[in-house]
Protein backbone atom coordinates (compact mmCIF):
# COMPACT_ATOMS: atom_id res chain seq x y z
CA MET A 1 0.00 0.00 0.00
CA GLU A 2 1.47 3.38 -1.03
CA LYS A 3 1.98 5.96 1.69
CA ILE A 4 0.91 9.62 1.46
CA LEU A 5 1.91 12.35 3.91
CA VAL A 6 -0.52 15.27 4.29
CA ILE A 7 0.91 18.55 5.66
CA ASP A 8 -1.54 21.37 6.44
CA ASP A 9 -1.93 23.71 9.38
CA ASP A 10 -5.72 23.87 8.86
CA GLU A 11 -7.03 20.94 10.92
CA SER A 12 -10.34 20.64 9.05
CA ILE A 13 -8.66 20.47 5.63
CA ARG A 14 -6.02 18.06 6.94
CA GLU A 15 -8.68 15.70 8.34
CA THR A 16 -10.75 15.94 5.17
CA LEU A 17 -7.75 14.94 3.04
CA VAL A 18 -6.80 12.11 5.42
CA ASN A 19 -10.34 10.69 5.31
CA LEU A 20 -10.52 10.97 1.51
CA LEU A 21 -7.18 9.25 0.97
CA THR A 22 -7.95 6.54 3.50
CA ARG A 23 -11.18 5.72 1.62
CA LEU A 24 -9.06 5.49 -1.54
CA LYS A 25 -7.03 2.71 0.17
CA TYR A 26 -3.83 4.70 0.71
CA ASN A 27 -1.72 4.51 3.87
CA VAL A 28 -2.00 8.09 5.21
CA VAL A 29 -0.03 10.04 7.81
CA SER A 30 -0.30 13.78 8.58
CA ALA A 31 1.52 16.72 10.13
CA PRO A 32 0.25 20.14 11.32
CA ASP A 33 3.09 22.30 9.95
CA GLY A 34 6.02 22.31 7.55
CA LYS A 35 8.79 21.56 10.03
CA ALA A 36 6.90 18.65 11.58
CA GLY A 37 6.09 17.40 8.09
CA VAL A 38 9.74 17.27 7.02
CA GLU A 39 10.72 15.42 10.21
CA LEU A 40 7.83 12.95 9.76
CA ALA A 41 8.83 12.33 6.14
CA LYS A 42 12.30 11.25 7.25
CA VAL A 43 10.72 8.68 9.57
CA GLU A 44 7.79 7.46 7.45
CA HIS A 45 9.42 7.59 3.97
CA PRO A 46 6.20 8.45 2.08
CA ASP A 47 5.76 7.93 -1.65
CA LEU A 48 3.88 11.23 -2.02
CA ILE A 49 3.50 14.43 0.02
CA ILE A 50 0.52 16.76 -0.25
CA SER A 51 1.56 20.05 1.35
CA ASP A 52 -0.17 23.36 1.96
CA MET A 53 1.69 26.46 0.77
CA ARG A 54 1.37 28.91 3.66
CA MET A 55 2.16 27.33 7.04
CA PRO A 56 4.06 28.18 10.23
CA GLN A 57 7.64 26.95 10.68
CA LEU A 58 8.25 26.11 6.99
CA SER A 59 6.27 27.12 3.90
CA GLY A 60 5.23 24.65 1.22
CA LEU A 61 8.13 25.80 -0.98
CA GLU A 62 10.59 25.31 1.88
CA VAL A 63 9.12 21.85 2.58
CA LEU A 64 9.54 21.03 -1.12
CA ALA A 65 13.18 22.13 -1.10
CA GLU A 66 13.97 20.12 2.06
CA ILE A 67 12.25 16.99 0.75
CA LYS A 68 14.07 17.14 -2.60
CA LYS A 69 17.40 17.38 -0.76
CA TYR A 70 16.46 14.40 1.41
CA ASP A 71 14.90 12.13 -1.25
CA SER A 72 14.34 13.31 -4.82
CA GLN A 73 12.09 10.31 -5.53
CA ILE A 74 9.30 11.54 -3.21
CA ARG A 75 6.64 13.27 -5.30
CA VAL A 76 5.22 16.52 -3.89
CA ILE A 77 1.87 18.16 -4.67
CA ILE A 78 1.46 21.74 -3.41
CA ILE A 79 -2.03 23.05 -2.50
CA THR A 80 -2.81 26.69 -1.77
CA ALA A 81 -5.62 29.19 -1.36
CA HIS A 82 -3.33 32.00 -2.53
CA ASP A 83 -2.39 30.97 -6.05
CA ASP A 84 -0.50 33.40 -8.26
CA MET A 85 1.78 33.05 -11.25
CA GLU A 86 5.03 33.68 -9.37
CA THR A 87 4.34 31.08 -6.69
CA THR A 88 3.20 28.50 -9.23
CA VAL A 89 6.33 29.04 -11.33
CA GLN A 90 8.58 28.76 -8.26
CA ALA A 91 6.91 25.54 -7.14
CA MET A 92 7.29 23.88 -10.54
CA GLN A 93 10.89 25.09 -10.87
CA LYS A 94 11.77 23.55 -7.51
CA GLY A 95 10.39 20.17 -8.58
CA ALA A 96 6.74 20.05 -7.45
CA TYR A 97 4.78 17.38 -9.31
CA ASP A 98 1.63 19.53 -9.35
CA PHE A 99 0.20 22.77 -7.96
CA ILE A 100 -3.50 22.72 -6.99
CA GLU A 101 -5.64 25.66 -5.86
CA LYS A 102 -8.15 25.65 -3.01
CA PRO A 103 -11.01 24.91 -2.79
CA ILE A 104 -9.72 21.53 -3.91
CA GLU A 105 -11.56 19.74 -6.71
CA THR A 106 -11.62 16.13 -5.51
CA GLU A 107 -11.50 14.57 -8.97
CA ARG A 108 -8.55 16.69 -10.04
CA LEU A 109 -6.68 15.82 -6.86
CA LYS A 110 -7.36 12.09 -7.34
CA ILE A 111 -6.05 12.23 -10.91
CA SER A 112 -2.94 14.16 -9.86
CA ILE A 113 -2.22 11.67 -7.03
CA LYS A 114 -2.68 8.70 -9.37
CA ARG A 115 -0.32 10.16 -11.98
CA ALA A 116 2.29 11.17 -9.41
CA LEU A 117 2.41 7.67 -7.92
CA GLU A 118 2.46 6.03 -11.38
CA ASN A 119 5.37 8.31 -12.28
CA LYS A 120 7.24 7.25 -9.14
CA ARG A 121 6.60 3.53 -9.78
CA LEU A 122 7.82 3.86 -13.37
CA SER A 123 10.92 5.73 -12.20
CA GLU A 124 11.77 2.96 -9.75
CA LYS A 125 11.44 0.28 -12.46
CA LEU A 126 13.81 2.00 -14.86
CA GLU A 127 17.55 2.24 -14.50
CA ALA A 128 19.07 5.68 -14.60
CA ILE A 129 21.10 6.54 -17.68
CA THR A 130 24.72 7.33 -16.90
CA PHE A 131 27.08 9.18 -19.18
CA GLU A 132 30.67 10.28 -19.30
CA LYS A 133 30.90 14.03 -18.93
CA SER A 134 32.33 15.93 -21.89
CA GLY A 135 35.21 18.21 -21.20
CA SER A 136 37.27 19.36 -24.15
CA GLU A 137 35.97 21.06 -27.28
CA GLN A 138 36.79 17.92 -29.22
CA GLN A 139 34.62 15.77 -26.94
CA LYS A 140 31.72 18.24 -27.21
CA ASN A 141 31.69 17.86 -30.98
CA ILE A 142 31.28 14.12 -31.17
CA ILE A 143 28.77 12.72 -33.64
CA ILE A 144 26.35 10.12 -32.34
CA GLY A 145 25.53 6.97 -34.31
CA LYS A 146 26.64 3.37 -34.73
CA SER A 147 24.85 2.49 -37.96
CA GLN A 148 26.93 1.32 -40.93
CA ILE A 149 26.06 4.43 -42.92
CA MET A 150 27.45 6.64 -40.15
CA ARG A 151 30.58 4.49 -39.82
CA GLU A 152 31.38 5.40 -43.44
CA VAL A 153 30.99 9.08 -42.53
CA TYR A 154 33.43 8.61 -39.62
CA LYS A 155 35.97 7.04 -41.95
CA LYS A 156 35.89 10.07 -44.25
CA ILE A 157 36.18 12.46 -41.32
CA GLY A 158 39.27 10.58 -40.19
CA GLN A 159 40.80 10.69 -43.67
CA VAL A 160 40.30 14.43 -44.28
CA SER A 161 41.09 15.68 -40.75
CA ALA A 162 44.74 14.70 -41.17
CA ASN A 163 45.28 17.29 -43.95
CA ARG A 164 43.96 20.62 -45.23
CA VAL A 165 41.97 19.33 -48.17
CA THR A 166 38.82 21.31 -49.12
CA VAL A 167 35.66 19.48 -48.04
CA LEU A 168 32.04 19.79 -49.21
CA ILE A 169 29.40 18.46 -46.78
CA LEU A 170 26.01 17.55 -48.25
CA GLY A 171 22.82 16.78 -46.37
CA GLU A 172 19.32 17.87 -45.53
CA SER A 173 18.67 20.61 -42.97
CA GLY A 174 19.23 19.34 -39.44
CA THR A 175 21.49 16.40 -40.29
CA GLY A 176 24.50 17.89 -38.48
CA LYS A 177 26.67 19.42 -41.20
CA GLU A 178 28.31 21.97 -38.92
CA LEU A 179 28.97 19.25 -36.34
CA VAL A 180 30.83 17.26 -39.00
CA ALA A 181 32.83 20.36 -39.91
CA LYS A 182 33.78 20.86 -36.25
CA SER A 183 34.70 17.18 -35.93
CA ILE A 184 37.07 17.52 -38.89
CA HIS A 185 38.58 20.68 -37.42
CA TYR A 186 38.96 19.60 -33.80
CA GLY A 187 39.90 16.02 -34.64
CA GLY A 188 42.91 16.78 -36.80
CA ILE A 189 45.82 19.04 -37.60
CA THR A 190 43.84 22.30 -37.34
CA LYS A 191 42.58 21.78 -33.76
CA GLU A 192 45.00 24.30 -32.23
CA TYR A 193 43.75 27.06 -34.55
CA PRO A 194 40.41 28.92 -34.83
CA PHE A 195 37.20 27.43 -36.23
CA VAL A 196 35.21 30.23 -37.90
CA ALA A 197 31.67 29.58 -39.15
CA VAL A 198 29.72 31.78 -41.59
CA ASN A 199 26.08 31.23 -42.57
CA CYS A 200 25.83 32.59 -46.09
CA THR A 201 22.05 33.09 -45.81
CA ALA A 202 22.16 35.02 -42.52
CA ILE A 203 24.14 37.97 -43.95
CA THR A 204 23.04 40.22 -46.82
CA GLU A 205 25.14 40.16 -49.99
CA THR A 206 26.39 43.72 -49.44
CA LEU A 207 27.76 42.81 -46.01
CA LEU A 208 28.93 39.26 -46.76
CA GLU A 209 31.99 40.36 -48.76
CA SER A 210 33.14 42.55 -45.87
CA GLU A 211 32.32 39.76 -43.42
CA LEU A 212 34.44 37.26 -45.35
CA PHE A 213 37.40 39.41 -46.44
CA GLY A 214 37.28 42.38 -44.04
CA HIS A 215 37.48 46.06 -45.02
CA GLU A 216 39.71 49.08 -44.66
CA LYS A 217 38.67 52.22 -42.82
CA GLY A 218 36.65 54.52 -45.08
CA SER A 219 36.13 51.87 -47.79
CA PHE A 220 32.36 52.48 -47.65
CA THR A 221 29.81 54.47 -45.67
CA GLY A 222 29.92 53.40 -42.05
CA ALA A 223 33.37 51.81 -42.28
CA ASP A 224 34.83 53.93 -39.47
CA ARG A 225 37.61 51.47 -38.68
CA MET A 226 39.58 48.65 -40.23
CA LYS A 227 37.99 45.25 -39.77
CA LYS A 228 39.50 41.80 -40.29
CA GLY A 229 37.35 39.32 -42.20
CA LYS A 230 36.56 35.70 -41.38
CA PHE A 231 39.28 34.35 -43.69
CA GLU A 232 41.88 36.42 -41.89
CA LEU A 233 40.52 35.56 -38.42
CA ALA A 234 40.58 31.84 -39.23
CA GLY A 235 44.34 32.02 -39.71
CA GLU A 236 45.66 28.48 -40.16
CA GLY A 237 42.45 26.99 -38.81
CA THR A 238 39.15 26.30 -40.58
CA ILE A 239 36.57 28.54 -42.20
CA PHE A 240 33.18 26.87 -42.52
CA LEU A 241 30.84 28.34 -45.15
CA ASP A 242 27.35 27.01 -44.47
CA GLU A 243 24.61 27.17 -47.13
CA ILE A 244 27.21 27.89 -49.82
CA SER A 245 24.48 27.48 -52.46
CA GLU A 246 23.00 30.84 -51.37
CA MET A 247 26.15 32.81 -52.21
CA SER A 248 25.62 35.43 -54.94
CA PRO A 249 27.29 35.05 -58.36
CA ASN A 250 29.53 38.06 -57.60
CA LEU A 251 30.84 36.51 -54.39
CA GLN A 252 31.19 33.11 -56.06
CA VAL A 253 33.72 34.69 -58.42
CA LYS A 254 35.67 36.19 -55.53
CA LEU A 255 35.65 32.94 -53.57
CA LEU A 256 36.88 31.09 -56.66
CA ARG A 257 39.80 33.49 -56.89
CA VAL A 258 40.67 32.93 -53.22
CA LEU A 259 40.66 29.17 -53.77
CA GLN A 260 42.82 29.47 -56.88
CA GLU A 261 45.32 32.10 -55.71
CA LYS A 262 45.32 31.34 -51.96
CA GLU A 263 45.17 35.06 -51.24
CA PHE A 264 42.68 37.94 -50.90
CA GLU A 265 42.41 41.68 -50.15
CA ARG A 266 40.18 43.50 -47.70
CA VAL A 267 37.38 45.56 -49.24
CA GLY A 268 38.93 48.91 -50.19
CA GLY A 269 42.43 47.59 -49.55
CA GLU A 270 45.45 46.95 -51.72
CA THR A 271 47.52 44.69 -49.49
CA VAL A 272 47.45 41.04 -50.51
CA ILE A 273 46.80 38.74 -47.56
CA PRO A 274 47.72 35.03 -47.82
CA MET A 275 44.88 32.60 -47.24
CA LYS A 276 46.09 29.77 -44.97
CA ALA A 277 42.79 28.39 -43.68
CA ARG A 278 41.20 25.11 -44.67
CA ILE A 279 37.81 25.68 -46.35
CA ILE A 280 34.83 23.47 -45.51
CA THR A 281 31.50 24.23 -47.18
CA ALA A 282 28.03 22.77 -46.72
CA THR A 283 24.68 22.83 -48.45
CA ASN A 284 21.30 21.12 -48.42
CA LYS A 285 20.87 21.84 -52.15
CA ASN A 286 21.86 19.86 -55.24
CA LEU A 287 24.78 21.95 -56.52
CA THR A 288 25.01 20.00 -59.79
CA LEU A 289 21.40 20.91 -60.53
CA LEU A 290 22.08 24.55 -59.62
CA VAL A 291 25.01 24.54 -62.06
CA LYS A 292 22.67 23.33 -64.84
CA GLN A 293 20.21 26.08 -63.89
CA GLY A 294 22.96 28.70 -64.09
CA LYS A 295 22.72 29.54 -60.38
CA PHE A 296 26.11 28.18 -59.32
CA ARG A 297 29.48 28.30 -61.02
CA GLU A 298 30.72 24.96 -62.30
CA ASP A 299 34.41 25.90 -61.84
CA LEU A 300 33.70 26.81 -58.20
CA LEU A 301 31.93 23.50 -57.65
CA PHE A 302 35.03 21.68 -58.94
CA ARG A 303 37.18 23.58 -56.46
CA LEU A 304 34.85 22.87 -53.52
CA HIS A 305 34.16 19.24 -54.43
CA VAL A 306 37.65 17.91 -53.71
CA VAL A 307 36.24 15.58 -51.05
CA ASN A 308 32.55 15.36 -50.28
CA ILE A 309 30.83 13.89 -47.22
CA GLU A 310 27.15 13.09 -47.59
CA LEU A 311 25.11 12.91 -44.40
CA PRO A 312 22.10 10.59 -44.35
CA PRO A 313 18.70 11.81 -43.16
CA LEU A 314 17.64 10.46 -39.76
CA ARG A 315 14.84 8.38 -41.34
CA ASP A 316 17.58 6.33 -43.07
CA ARG A 317 19.38 5.53 -39.80
CA LYS A 318 16.66 4.96 -37.25
CA ASP A 319 18.83 2.41 -35.44
CA ASP A 320 20.78 5.41 -34.17
CA ILE A 321 17.76 7.03 -32.51
CA PRO A 322 18.23 5.30 -29.09
CA HIS A 323 21.85 6.51 -28.98
CA LEU A 324 20.87 10.02 -30.05
CA VAL A 325 18.08 10.18 -27.45
CA LYS A 326 20.42 9.22 -24.61
CA HIS A 327 23.03 11.73 -25.80
CA PHE A 328 20.56 14.61 -26.11
CA VAL A 329 18.82 13.83 -22.81
CA ASN A 330 22.20 14.07 -21.07
CA LYS A 331 23.08 17.31 -22.87
CA ILE A 332 19.68 18.92 -22.20
CA ASN A 333 19.76 17.89 -18.53
CA THR A 334 23.13 19.61 -18.20
CA ASP A 335 22.01 22.75 -20.04
CA LEU A 336 18.68 23.07 -18.21
CA HIS A 337 19.84 21.74 -14.82
CA ARG A 338 17.30 18.92 -14.95
CA ASN A 339 17.54 15.26 -13.92
CA VAL A 340 15.31 13.44 -16.42
CA ASN A 341 17.47 10.32 -16.68
CA LYS A 342 15.05 7.43 -17.28
CA ILE A 343 13.54 6.56 -20.66
CA PRO A 344 10.87 3.83 -21.07
CA ASP A 345 11.17 1.53 -24.09
CA GLU A 346 7.78 2.75 -25.38
CA VAL A 347 9.23 6.26 -25.71
CA ILE A 348 12.13 5.03 -27.85
CA GLU A 349 9.75 2.96 -29.99
CA TYR A 350 7.47 5.96 -30.42
CA LEU A 351 10.34 8.16 -31.55
CA GLU A 352 11.56 5.48 -33.96
CA ARG A 353 8.18 5.42 -35.73
CA TYR A 354 8.38 9.11 -36.68
CA ASP A 355 10.10 10.17 -39.93
CA TRP A 356 11.83 13.33 -38.60
CA ILE A 357 11.57 15.74 -41.51
CA GLY A 358 13.81 18.13 -39.54
CA ASN A 359 16.28 15.29 -38.85
CA VAL A 360 18.57 15.28 -35.79
CA ARG A 361 17.88 18.94 -35.02
CA GLU A 362 14.14 18.28 -34.84
CA LEU A 363 14.74 15.30 -32.54
CA GLU A 364 16.87 17.43 -30.19
CA ASN A 365 14.29 20.24 -30.09
CA THR A 366 11.48 17.74 -29.46
CA LEU A 367 13.40 16.20 -26.55
CA MET A 368 14.18 19.62 -25.08
CA GLN A 369 10.48 20.49 -25.13
CA ALA A 370 9.60 17.13 -23.57
CA ILE A 371 12.15 17.50 -20.76
CA VAL A 372 10.88 21.00 -19.95
CA LEU A 373 7.36 19.54 -19.59
CA THR A 374 8.44 16.42 -17.67
CA LYS A 375 7.67 16.09 -13.96
CA GLY A 376 10.04 13.79 -12.12
CA ASP A 377 12.93 11.90 -13.67
CA VAL A 378 11.09 9.78 -16.27
CA LEU A 379 10.74 10.97 -19.87
CA LEU A 380 7.09 10.27 -20.65
CA LYS A 381 5.51 9.72 -24.05
CA ASP A 382 2.70 12.14 -23.15
CA ASN A 383 5.20 15.02 -23.05
CA ILE A 384 6.63 14.35 -26.51
CA LEU A 385 4.84 16.75 -28.81
CA ILE A 386 5.39 15.50 -32.34
CA ARG A 387 3.47 17.23 -35.11
CA ASN A 388 1.54 14.16 -36.17
CA THR A 389 -1.37 16.40 -37.17
CA SER A 390 0.87 18.33 -39.52
CA ILE A 391 1.95 15.12 -41.24
CA LYS A 392 -1.70 14.20 -41.79
CA GLU A 393 -2.36 17.67 -43.17
CA LEU A 394 0.48 17.13 -45.63
CA ASP A 395 -0.92 13.83 -46.94
CA TYR A 396 2.64 12.57 -46.54
CA LEU A 397 2.93 9.28 -48.42
CA PRO A 398 6.47 7.81 -48.44
CA GLY A 399 7.48 6.65 -51.90
CA LYS A 400 4.73 8.65 -53.61
CA VAL A 401 5.70 12.23 -52.82
CA SER A 402 9.14 13.74 -53.40
CA LEU A 403 11.11 15.13 -50.48
CA ALA A 404 11.02 18.58 -52.10
CA GLU A 405 7.22 18.40 -52.25
CA VAL A 406 7.03 17.35 -48.60
CA GLU A 407 9.28 20.30 -47.65
CA LYS A 408 7.14 22.69 -49.70
CA ARG A 409 3.89 21.50 -48.11
CA TYR A 410 5.35 21.55 -44.62
CA ILE A 411 6.65 25.11 -45.01
CA LYS A 412 3.25 26.23 -46.35
CA TYR A 413 1.54 24.48 -43.45
CA ILE A 414 3.72 26.30 -40.89
CA LEU A 415 3.23 29.65 -42.66
CA ASP A 416 -0.54 29.17 -42.64
CA GLU A 417 -0.45 28.13 -38.96
CA MET A 418 1.53 31.29 -38.13
CA LYS A 419 -0.87 33.39 -40.29
CA TRP A 420 2.10 34.17 -42.53
CA ASN A 421 4.11 35.80 -39.77
CA LYS A 422 7.42 34.97 -41.46
CA PRO A 423 9.78 35.64 -38.50
CA LYS A 424 7.71 33.32 -36.28
CA ALA A 425 7.52 30.69 -39.04
CA ALA A 426 11.30 30.83 -39.56
CA GLU A 427 11.84 30.41 -35.81
CA LEU A 428 9.53 27.37 -35.69
CA LEU A 429 11.17 25.85 -38.78
CA LYS A 430 14.64 26.49 -37.26
CA ILE A 431 15.88 28.30 -40.37
CA SER A 432 16.99 31.88 -40.95
CA LEU A 433 14.54 34.45 -42.30
CA PRO A 434 16.49 34.89 -45.58
CA THR A 435 16.40 31.10 -46.07
CA LEU A 436 12.62 31.12 -45.57
CA TYR A 437 12.19 33.91 -48.14
CA SER A 438 14.38 31.94 -50.56
CA LYS A 439 12.31 28.77 -50.08
CA ILE A 440 9.01 30.66 -50.50
CA GLU A 441 10.30 32.02 -53.80
CA SER A 442 11.86 28.79 -55.08
CA PHE A 443 8.81 26.69 -54.19
CA GLY A 444 6.37 29.32 -55.45
CA ILE A 445 4.40 29.38 -52.19
CA ASN A 446 1.66 32.03 -52.20
CA ASP A 447 0.07 33.84 -49.27
CA PRO A 448 -3.67 32.98 -49.57
CA SER A 449 -4.70 36.26 -47.91
CA LYS A 450 -3.17 38.18 -50.83
CA GLU A 451 -4.81 36.09 -53.54
CA VAL A 452 -7.68 37.77 -55.35
C-alpha cells in the first residue's frame, strides 16, 4: 500500500484529506506544519506528500526544497488558497509534481495523485542513464551513431582531418553538417587554430563580402575602422561556409579566386593577404542541378568538391535514434539543470516510428520540449509533442511524394499556422529568415490572404 503524507496547518482540511485518501485505500499520515512534516517524512518515507503552501515553521516551498534534498524520488503536490503566477512558477521550478488551488476539486486531486504515484513507480522500475561528462571542445563535438552508414561518414572524417583538403558536406537541414565540420577541425591538424563559421544566408550580400574578407577604414559608408574578415581571423584553422548554395554570383567569383590564388584583399584595400585556412563548405541543395540552372558556377563547384561527405537523413538511420536520445537527454539535462534520466522503451519505440523531416535537429528540439514539460525523472511519451497532425495535413505518403514536395507543403503548413508571420515561421522551422524567403520564392508558395 502506497503511503501519502498530508501537511496542512488547517485541521479541518487536513482531516478531510486524510479521510478521503484513507477511503481510496492509501496509507495516510499527517503533520500540522512544515517543520513537523519534514521530520515525519524522514521517519515514514512516504511515496507522495501533499503540502499546503502557507504554514508556520516552513512554507510549502521550503518543505519542497527540504524533501528534494532528502529524497528526490518523493513526489510533492502543493495546494494553496493564494495561487499566483510567481508562486506557481517557483513551485514547478523547484520540482513540485503539481500545484493545486483551493477549494480543492476532488477529482482533479485524485487524478494528480494517481499520476504522481504512477510516475514514481515507473521511475523505480527504470535504471538511470549514466554518461561520461564531456570536457574538451573535441569531446563536445562528437557525432552520435553506430549504424553502418554513419561508420562510413566517420571514416571520411578521419581521412580528411589529417590534412587541409577542401571538403564539401552535403545533407538535408538538421542532419549535423556543422557538427561534422567541427569534428574535422577539432579532430585533426587544425585543432589548435580557430574554427570560424559563416552562414551565407544570414548575412546580406552587401555585407557578406566585408564579413568574409574584411574592409579598410573609409572603404564604404559606415566603415569607421579597419575590420578583419573571417578568412583572416581563421588564420591556419578552418573557415566553414554554411549554405554555400545561397552565395551570390559576384561573391562566387571572388571565392573562386581565393581558392585558386590562396590570397585575398580586404574591401577597399590593396595589401594582398595570404589565405592559410582550410575551407569546408556545406549545403542542403543539389549543386550539380544549380550549375545546370545557371545559379552556381561549375568551376567553383570543382574547387569545392575535392572531397565530399554526404550525411544521411535520420529516417535512413533509425537504429541510431536510441543513442541520439540518450546523448541529447544528457546534454539537455546539463544545459537546463534537470535530472530526467530514465527513458521507457515505449518512448524510444514511439520516436523510432516518426520520420523526422527536420532530422537530428528536430529530434533534439522535441526532446528539449519534452524535458521542460516532464515532472520527475522519467521521460514520458505524453510530453513528446510530435506534429503528427501536420503530417496528416500534408498527406505525406512515403514513396509517392518527393522530399522537395514534402518540404514545400510543410513550409506552407507552418506559414498558414503562423498566419504568414514569417519571422515566427522561420523560428519554428529552425531556419533563418532569408532562407525562408528563398524557399518561399523557389517553391512558389503564395500567401492565400493576398490572392484575389
